Amino acid sequence: MILPGDPAPLFTQRANTDWHHYSFDMAAGRYSLLLFCPSLQIEATQKAINALSSLYSLKASGRLELFIISTNPLDEEKTLANKKEYFTIFDSNKQVHTQYGIAPNMLTWVVVDPMLRVKCVLEASEKYFNFIKNFLQNAKPFQEGPVPALLLEGVLEHSFCTTLIEYYNSQPSHISGVLTQNHERKAVNADNFSFKRRRDCALNDPSLVRNLQARIIRRVVPEIRKVFQCDVTGMDRMILSCYNAEERGCFGPIVTTPYQALCTGFLRYHSI
């Protein structure tokens, strides 16, 4: 069984999301409370789920995410899960239970911190829930620190930024999804407006593509090699994106699949 201080095992499993799966690395940046149970339909589980209502305000504030992880295959068919208030993970093959070392017939609470490290593993009883509730309500808000990202200025000239913005405004755009994994660990795009809200358009103009590639190769690739000791071998795609205030545009970590990195440039309508 996992112990406090251990890295929380990451998993991708069927869930009550719009794309029918959940990749647990998306939970970073806030506390997570996981309830492992044999079924949603037994009285003990329902009692534990009812207790979670006292934590909904913490979830609404963005400080907590809630998960119910059931091994009963019938739970997915019964659609007993409330999408707004918690994620239900359908663990009928016991993959997640095995990763966490939790017996399928046990009701167990697991608290995971914003860095995806295990804080505590406790029996799902009223006494221990009150302890967990007190801890979560009094936990200090997660302090965002520096990300392992390379920040570079002056990569694109103001005139080239203006050209790219004009190109975006002249093209059709579409809602951008989150690149995550399905149960086969294959990369899939999924819409999740609570996680990210953005519009994209593909950069298809050959001249603009060549000019953008030239600037990245000349000004970004050498810095990546210098800082991360990594040789960039290719560019997967080039898109122009917009976080529109009228659509309440918001950012989230948009790649949760391995072996990929992003090169993002921020364009403004006015110079500073």
Protein backbone atom coordinates (compact mmCIF):
# COMPACT_ATOMS: atom_id res chain seq x y z
CA MET A 1 0.00 0.00 0.00
CA ILE A 2 1.14 3.52 -0.66
CA LEU A 3 2.32 5.54 2.33
CA PRO A 4 2.36 9.26 3.21
CA GLY A 5 5.21 10.97 1.39
CA ASP A 6 5.07 8.60 -1.59
CA PRO A 7 4.47 9.99 -5.09
CA ALA A 8 0.80 9.39 -5.93
CA PRO A 9 0.61 6.76 -8.69
CA LEU A 10 -0.61 8.37 -11.90
CA PHE A 11 -3.36 6.62 -13.79
CA THR A 12 -5.65 6.90 -16.80
CA GLN A 13 -9.00 5.17 -16.32
CA ARG A 14 -12.61 5.28 -17.48
CA ALA A 15 -14.56 8.07 -15.80
CA ASN A 16 -17.73 10.16 -15.92
CA THR A 17 -16.07 12.91 -17.97
CA ASP A 18 -17.31 14.12 -21.34
CA TRP A 19 -14.49 12.16 -22.99
CA HIS A 20 -15.16 9.09 -20.76
CA HIS A 21 -11.68 8.92 -19.22
CA TYR A 22 -9.57 10.81 -16.69
CA SER A 23 -5.80 11.20 -16.53
CA PHE A 24 -4.84 11.85 -12.89
CA ASP A 25 -1.89 14.10 -13.74
CA MET A 26 -4.53 16.73 -14.57
CA ALA A 27 -5.26 17.03 -10.83
CA ALA A 28 -1.96 18.74 -10.00
CA GLY A 29 -2.09 22.21 -8.43
CA ARG A 30 -4.79 21.47 -5.85
CA TYR A 31 -5.50 18.92 -3.13
CA SER A 32 -7.30 15.73 -4.18
CA LEU A 33 -9.45 13.51 -1.98
CA LEU A 34 -9.92 9.99 -3.32
CA LEU A 35 -12.51 7.56 -1.98
CA PHE A 36 -11.73 3.96 -2.93
CA CYS A 37 -14.82 1.76 -2.70
CA PRO A 38 -16.18 -1.61 -3.89
CA SER A 39 -19.37 -0.03 -5.28
CA LEU A 40 -21.31 3.23 -5.41
CA GLN A 41 -24.46 1.32 -4.59
CA ILE A 42 -23.69 0.12 -1.07
CA GLU A 43 -24.86 2.04 2.00
CA ALA A 44 -21.38 2.69 3.40
CA THR A 45 -20.25 4.31 0.15
CA GLN A 46 -23.38 6.47 -0.08
CA LYS A 47 -22.80 7.63 3.49
CA ALA A 48 -19.22 8.59 2.64
CA ILE A 49 -20.33 10.39 -0.53
CA ASN A 50 -22.97 12.33 1.40
CA ALA A 51 -20.25 13.51 3.78
CA LEU A 52 -18.38 15.01 0.84
CA SER A 53 -21.07 17.69 0.45
CA SER A 54 -19.38 19.62 3.27
CA LEU A 55 -16.33 20.00 1.01
CA TYR A 56 -18.10 21.23 -2.13
CA SER A 57 -17.27 24.86 -1.33
CA LEU A 58 -13.56 23.99 -1.28
CA LYS A 59 -13.96 22.34 -4.68
CA ALA A 60 -15.81 25.36 -6.03
CA SER A 61 -12.93 27.60 -4.91
CA GLY A 62 -10.47 25.53 -6.95
CA ARG A 63 -8.54 24.28 -3.91
CA LEU A 64 -9.82 20.68 -3.95
CA GLU A 65 -10.77 17.93 -6.39
CA LEU A 66 -12.93 14.95 -5.41
CA PHE A 67 -12.77 11.42 -6.79
CA ILE A 68 -14.82 8.27 -6.18
CA ILE A 69 -13.02 5.13 -7.42
CA SER A 70 -15.30 2.10 -7.72
CA THR A 71 -14.56 -1.46 -8.85
CA ASN A 72 -18.20 -2.41 -9.53
CA PRO A 73 -18.78 -2.68 -13.34
CA LEU A 74 -22.49 -1.96 -12.83
CA ASP A 75 -21.79 1.54 -11.49
CA GLU A 76 -20.95 2.82 -14.96
CA GLU A 77 -24.22 1.44 -16.33
CA LYS A 78 -26.28 2.85 -13.46
CA THR A 79 -24.86 6.36 -14.09
CA LEU A 80 -25.03 7.19 -10.40
CA ALA A 81 -22.21 9.72 -10.71
CA ASN A 82 -22.73 13.46 -10.33
CA LYS A 83 -20.46 15.11 -12.90
CA LYS A 84 -20.46 18.53 -11.29
CA GLU A 85 -19.54 17.58 -7.76
CA TYR A 86 -16.97 14.80 -8.14
CA PHE A 87 -15.26 12.61 -10.67
CA THR A 88 -16.24 8.95 -10.65
CA ILE A 89 -13.48 6.59 -11.78
CA PHE A 90 -14.79 3.25 -13.07
CA ASP A 91 -12.04 0.87 -11.96
CA SER A 92 -13.68 -2.43 -12.89
CA ASN A 93 -10.33 -3.95 -13.89
CA LYS A 94 -8.91 -2.84 -10.49
CA GLN A 95 -6.02 -1.05 -12.16
CA VAL A 96 -6.08 1.99 -9.87
CA HIS A 97 -6.71 -0.07 -6.74
CA THR A 98 -3.69 -2.20 -7.62
CA GLN A 99 -1.50 0.85 -8.26
CA TYR A 100 -2.39 2.24 -4.83
CA GLY A 101 -2.23 -1.14 -3.11
CA ILE A 102 -5.81 -0.90 -1.81
CA ALA A 103 -7.99 -4.00 -1.53
CA PRO A 104 -11.11 -3.84 -3.76
CA ASN A 105 -13.43 -4.62 -0.84
CA MET A 106 -12.14 -1.79 1.37
CA LEU A 107 -13.47 1.75 1.79
CA THR A 108 -10.40 3.97 1.97
CA TRP A 109 -9.68 7.70 1.91
CA VAL A 110 -6.49 8.92 0.21
CA VAL A 111 -5.44 12.58 0.34
CA VAL A 112 -3.04 13.78 -2.37
CA ASP A 113 -1.34 17.17 -2.20
CA PRO A 114 -1.02 19.71 -5.05
CA MET A 115 2.36 18.24 -6.03
CA LEU A 116 0.69 14.82 -6.43
CA ARG A 117 2.27 13.36 -3.29
CA VAL A 118 0.34 11.22 -0.82
CA LYS A 119 -0.54 13.04 2.41
CA CYS A 120 -2.53 10.35 4.20
CA VAL A 121 -4.25 6.99 3.72
CA LEU A 122 -7.11 6.28 6.13
CA GLU A 123 -10.06 3.97 6.62
CA ALA A 124 -13.26 5.54 5.28
CA SER A 125 -14.94 6.12 8.64
CA GLU A 126 -16.72 9.17 10.05
CA LYS A 127 -13.92 9.78 12.54
CA TYR A 128 -11.22 9.84 9.88
CA PHE A 129 -13.34 11.90 7.50
CA ASN A 130 -13.67 14.62 10.16
CA PHE A 131 -9.88 14.56 10.51
CA ILE A 132 -9.44 14.89 6.73
CA LYS A 133 -12.08 17.62 6.51
CA ASN A 134 -10.34 19.65 9.21
CA PHE A 135 -6.98 19.20 7.48
CA LEU A 136 -8.27 20.27 4.05
CA GLN A 137 -10.20 23.26 5.37
CA ASN A 138 -7.12 24.54 7.21
CA ALA A 139 -4.46 23.61 4.67
CA LYS A 140 -2.54 26.58 3.33
CA PRO A 141 -3.47 27.45 -0.26
CA PHE A 142 -1.00 26.03 -2.73
CA GLN A 143 1.76 28.52 -3.47
CA GLU A 144 2.49 28.59 -7.16
CA GLY A 145 6.21 28.51 -7.82
CA PRO A 146 8.35 28.80 -10.93
CA VAL A 147 7.62 26.23 -13.60
CA PRO A 148 10.38 24.37 -15.47
CA ALA A 149 9.85 26.60 -18.47
CA LEU A 150 12.24 28.66 -20.56
CA LEU A 151 11.09 32.29 -20.81
CA LEU A 152 12.56 34.23 -23.72
CA GLU A 153 11.92 37.77 -24.90
CA GLY A 154 12.38 39.16 -28.38
CA VAL A 155 11.79 35.92 -30.28
CA LEU A 156 9.21 37.52 -32.61
CA GLU A 157 9.35 41.11 -33.86
CA HIS A 158 6.35 43.34 -33.26
CA SER A 159 5.59 43.57 -36.99
CA PHE A 160 5.62 39.76 -37.32
CA CYS A 161 3.33 39.43 -34.29
CA THR A 162 0.90 41.84 -35.96
CA THR A 163 0.98 39.73 -39.14
CA LEU A 164 0.18 36.57 -37.17
CA ILE A 165 -2.71 38.27 -35.35
CA GLU A 166 -4.15 39.50 -38.66
CA TYR A 167 -3.88 35.97 -40.05
CA TYR A 168 -5.75 34.56 -37.02
CA ASN A 169 -8.54 37.11 -37.42
CA SER A 170 -8.94 36.18 -41.08
CA GLN A 171 -9.28 32.42 -40.46
CA PRO A 172 -11.98 30.20 -38.91
CA SER A 173 -11.13 29.07 -35.40
CA HIS A 174 -12.31 26.15 -33.27
CA ILE A 175 -12.52 25.27 -29.60
CA SER A 176 -9.23 23.79 -28.40
CA GLY A 177 -9.29 20.55 -26.45
CA VAL A 178 -7.02 19.11 -23.77
CA LEU A 179 -4.45 16.61 -25.00
CA THR A 180 -4.81 13.69 -22.60
CA GLN A 181 -4.79 9.88 -22.64
CA ASN A 182 -7.48 7.23 -22.99
CA HIS A 183 -7.52 3.85 -21.26
CA GLU A 184 -5.08 2.51 -23.87
CA ARG A 185 -2.70 5.38 -23.02
CA LYS A 186 -3.12 6.82 -26.50
CA ALA A 187 -3.20 10.59 -26.92
CA VAL A 188 -6.70 12.01 -27.45
CA ASN A 189 -8.19 15.50 -27.57
CA ALA A 190 -10.97 16.18 -25.06
CA ASP A 191 -13.06 19.31 -24.38
CA ASN A 192 -13.00 20.43 -20.76
CA PHE A 193 -14.08 24.07 -20.29
CA SER A 194 -13.43 23.98 -16.54
CA PHE A 195 -9.80 23.12 -17.30
CA LYS A 196 -9.08 25.23 -20.38
CA ARG A 197 -11.10 27.53 -22.66
CA ARG A 198 -9.33 28.62 -25.85
CA ARG A 199 -9.77 28.94 -29.62
CA ASP A 200 -7.21 27.73 -32.17
CA CYS A 201 -6.61 28.04 -35.87
CA ALA A 202 -3.98 26.15 -37.83
CA LEU A 203 -1.13 28.13 -39.36
CA ASN A 204 -1.31 26.94 -42.98
CA ASP A 205 0.30 29.80 -44.87
CA PRO A 206 3.63 28.37 -46.16
CA SER A 207 5.45 31.70 -45.95
CA LEU A 208 4.36 32.35 -42.36
CA VAL A 209 5.25 28.78 -41.38
CA ARG A 210 8.76 29.13 -42.83
CA ASN A 211 9.30 32.49 -41.15
CA LEU A 212 8.08 31.26 -37.77
CA GLN A 213 10.16 28.09 -37.98
CA ALA A 214 13.24 30.13 -38.86
CA ARG A 215 12.85 32.32 -35.78
CA ILE A 216 12.29 29.34 -33.47
CA ILE A 217 15.30 27.47 -34.88
CA ARG A 218 17.51 30.57 -34.67
CA ARG A 219 16.41 31.96 -31.30
CA VAL A 220 14.72 29.21 -29.26
CA VAL A 221 16.33 25.87 -30.16
CA PRO A 222 19.85 26.95 -29.04
CA GLU A 223 18.47 28.09 -25.67
CA ILE A 224 16.64 24.79 -25.14
CA ARG A 225 19.90 22.95 -25.79
CA LYS A 226 21.76 25.27 -23.42
CA VAL A 227 19.31 25.01 -20.51
CA PHE A 228 17.82 21.50 -20.81
CA GLN A 229 20.63 19.66 -22.65
CA CYS A 230 18.04 18.58 -25.18
CA ASP A 231 18.19 18.60 -28.98
CA VAL A 232 14.89 19.53 -30.63
CA THR A 233 14.28 17.14 -33.52
CA GLY A 234 11.01 18.38 -34.99
CA MET A 235 7.92 20.57 -34.78
CA ASP A 236 4.65 18.68 -34.59
CA ARG A 237 2.25 21.47 -35.56
CA MET A 238 1.88 25.23 -35.61
CA ILE A 239 -1.29 26.89 -34.38
CA LEU A 240 -2.42 30.38 -33.45
CA SER A 241 -4.57 30.59 -30.32
CA CYS A 242 -6.78 33.13 -28.60
CA TYR A 243 -7.94 33.32 -24.97
CA ASN A 244 -10.99 35.51 -25.56
CA ALA A 245 -12.25 37.50 -22.57
CA GLU A 246 -15.78 37.47 -24.01
CA GLU A 247 -15.71 33.64 -23.81
CA ARG A 248 -14.07 33.71 -20.36
CA GLY A 249 -10.91 32.25 -21.86
CA CYS A 250 -8.75 30.45 -19.32
CA PHE A 251 -5.52 28.51 -19.36
CA GLY A 252 -4.70 25.04 -18.04
CA PRO A 253 -1.79 22.65 -18.55
CA ILE A 254 -2.81 21.41 -21.98
CA VAL A 255 -0.44 18.49 -22.51
CA THR A 256 -0.68 15.55 -20.13
CA THR A 257 0.99 13.03 -22.41
CA PRO A 258 4.69 12.07 -22.19
CA TYR A 259 7.52 12.99 -24.55
CA GLN A 260 6.02 16.28 -25.67
CA ALA A 261 6.86 19.92 -25.00
CA LEU A 262 5.28 23.21 -25.98
CA CYS A 263 6.78 26.32 -27.51
CA THR A 264 4.30 29.13 -26.82
CA GLY A 265 4.53 32.75 -27.87
CA PHE A 266 2.28 35.47 -26.50
CA LEU A 267 1.10 38.08 -29.03
CA ARG A 268 -0.46 41.43 -28.09
CA TYR A 269 -2.58 43.84 -30.07
CA HIS A 270 -0.48 46.75 -28.83
CA SER A 271 3.19 47.31 -28.17
CA ILE A 272 4.54 47.94 -24.68
